[in-house]
C-alpha cells in the first residue's frame, strides 16, 4: 500500500494505491489519525486501490466516525468495481459519501450530501 497526499483548495486529497489489508491497515490507521487532526475536508481517491479487507473497512469507518464528531466531511472517490462491490455487499455503501470521480467529490463540498453520485 502506498499513500500520497495533496491539498487542493483547502481540501485534503489522500490517494491510496495497492491493497488495504490486515498487514497495511495499521499503517493506514496511524496515518489517518494524524491527517484527521489537521483537516476538516478530506477526499480519498481510491482509483488505484486494488482491495480493501475487513480490517481496512474498519479503519475507514473509524475515520468517518471521527470526522463526523468533528463536524468534518469525508468522501470516497473513483472506486474500482471490486472496492464498490465490497462496500455494497457489506452494506457500507450507504454510510459513506461515494463519488464517481475526484472532481465530483471535490465539487460536492459545501453542498447538501445525498450520499451516492454517479
Protein backbone atom coordinates (compact mmCIF):
# COMPACT_ATOMS: atom_id res chain seq x y z
CA UNK A 1 0.00 0.00 0.00
CA UNK A 2 1.18 3.49 -0.84
CA UNK A 3 -0.38 6.72 0.44
CA UNK A 4 0.06 10.09 -1.21
CA UNK A 5 -1.47 13.35 -0.12
CA UNK A 6 -2.08 16.76 -1.62
CA UNK A 7 -4.16 19.79 -0.75
CA UNK A 8 -6.49 21.30 -3.35
CA UNK A 9 -8.40 24.44 -2.33
CA UNK A 10 -8.01 23.52 1.37
CA UNK A 11 -9.42 20.02 0.74
CA UNK A 12 -7.06 17.19 1.63
CA UNK A 13 -6.91 14.57 -1.14
CA UNK A 14 -5.49 11.26 0.01
CA UNK A 15 -4.71 8.70 -2.68
CA UNK A 16 -4.27 5.08 -1.69
CA UNK A 17 -2.73 2.60 -4.10
CA UNK A 18 -2.36 -1.12 -3.67
CA UNK A 19 -4.05 -3.30 -1.08
CA UNK A 20 -5.53 -2.23 2.24
CA UNK A 21 -5.45 -5.46 4.21
CA UNK A 22 -4.70 -6.70 7.71
CA UNK A 23 -0.99 -6.01 7.16
CA UNK A 24 -1.33 -2.42 5.92
CA UNK A 25 -4.46 -1.37 7.87
CA UNK A 26 -2.49 -0.36 10.97
CA UNK A 27 -0.24 1.93 8.92
CA UNK A 28 -3.29 3.49 7.28
CA UNK A 29 -4.95 3.98 10.66
CA UNK A 30 -1.91 5.79 12.09
CA UNK A 31 -1.71 7.97 9.00
CA UNK A 32 -5.40 8.87 9.08
CA UNK A 33 -5.44 9.61 12.80
CA UNK A 34 -2.76 12.20 12.17
CA UNK A 35 -4.35 13.59 8.98
CA UNK A 36 -7.80 13.94 10.56
CA UNK A 37 -6.43 16.19 13.30
CA UNK A 38 -5.38 18.77 10.72
CA UNK A 39 -8.15 18.59 8.11
CA UNK A 40 -11.89 19.18 8.08
CA UNK A 41 -12.47 18.19 4.46
CA UNK A 42 -10.97 15.01 3.05
CA UNK A 43 -11.41 13.02 -0.15
CA UNK A 44 -10.00 9.54 -0.54
CA UNK A 45 -9.06 8.85 -4.14
CA UNK A 46 -9.34 5.07 -4.43
CA UNK A 47 -8.73 4.82 -8.17
CA UNK A 48 -5.56 2.76 -7.58
CA UNK A 49 -6.83 0.78 -4.58
CA UNK A 50 -6.96 -2.88 -5.56
CA UNK A 51 -8.54 -4.40 -2.44
CA UNK A 52 -9.90 -3.49 0.99
CA UNK A 53 -10.21 -6.15 3.68
CA UNK A 54 -12.48 -6.01 6.71
CA UNK A 55 -9.52 -4.51 8.62
CA UNK A 56 -9.32 -1.73 6.04
CA UNK A 57 -13.07 -1.14 6.20
CA UNK A 58 -12.78 -0.79 9.97
CA UNK A 59 -10.14 1.91 9.52
CA UNK A 60 -12.34 3.86 7.10
CA UNK A 61 -15.36 3.53 9.40
CA UNK A 62 -13.34 4.77 12.38
CA UNK A 63 -12.08 7.71 10.31
CA UNK A 64 -15.62 8.56 9.21
CA UNK A 65 -16.87 8.43 12.79
CA UNK A 66 -14.06 10.69 13.98
CA UNK A 67 -14.67 13.13 11.13
CA UNK A 68 -18.39 13.30 11.92
CA UNK A 69 -17.73 14.02 15.62
CA UNK A 70 -15.61 16.97 14.47
CA UNK A 71 -18.34 18.14 12.07
CA UNK A 72 -15.90 17.43 9.25
CA UNK A 73 -16.52 15.81 5.87
CA UNK A 74 -15.01 12.66 4.39
CA UNK A 75 -15.73 11.42 0.87
CA UNK A 76 -14.65 8.46 -1.25
CA UNK A 77 -13.96 8.86 -4.95
CA UNK A 78 -13.08 6.78 -8.01
CA UNK A 79 -13.75 3.35 -6.55
CA UNK A 80 -12.67 0.34 -8.56
CA UNK A 81 -15.58 -2.07 -9.21
CA UNK A 82 -14.17 -4.61 -6.74
CA UNK A 83 -14.00 -1.97 -3.99
CA UNK A 84 -17.51 -0.76 -4.77
CA UNK A 85 -18.72 -4.37 -4.62
CA UNK A 86 -17.10 -4.90 -1.20
CA UNK A 87 -18.85 -1.78 0.13
CA UNK A 88 -22.17 -2.84 -1.40
CA UNK A 89 -22.01 -6.39 -0.02
CA UNK A 90 -21.03 -5.16 3.44
CA UNK A 91 -23.84 -2.59 3.43
CA UNK A 92 -21.37 0.26 3.86
CA UNK A 93 -22.03 1.99 0.55
CA UNK A 94 -24.99 3.73 2.22
CA UNK A 95 -22.82 5.04 5.04
CA UNK A 96 -20.04 6.63 3.01
CA UNK A 97 -20.35 9.55 0.60
CA UNK A 98 -19.20 7.95 -2.65
CA UNK A 99 -18.48 9.80 -5.88
CA UNK A 100 -17.79 8.58 -9.39
CA UNK A 101 -14.63 10.66 -9.70
CA UNK A 102 -12.40 13.06 -7.80
CA UNK A 103 -13.86 16.18 -9.47
CA UNK A 104 -17.40 15.25 -8.41
CA UNK A 105 -16.25 14.67 -4.85
CA UNK A 106 -14.38 17.98 -4.75
CA UNK A 107 -17.37 19.85 -6.20
CA UNK A 108 -19.70 18.37 -3.57
CA UNK A 109 -18.12 20.18 -0.63
CA UNK A 110 -20.40 22.85 0.68
CA UNK A 111 -23.46 21.23 -0.90
CA UNK A 112 -26.00 19.02 0.85
CA UNK A 113 -24.82 15.44 0.55
CA UNK A 114 -27.11 12.78 -0.89
CA UNK A 115 -24.54 10.03 -0.24
CA UNK A 116 -24.07 8.46 -3.68
CA UNK A 117 -23.48 10.13 -7.01
CA UNK A 118 -22.79 8.61 -10.42
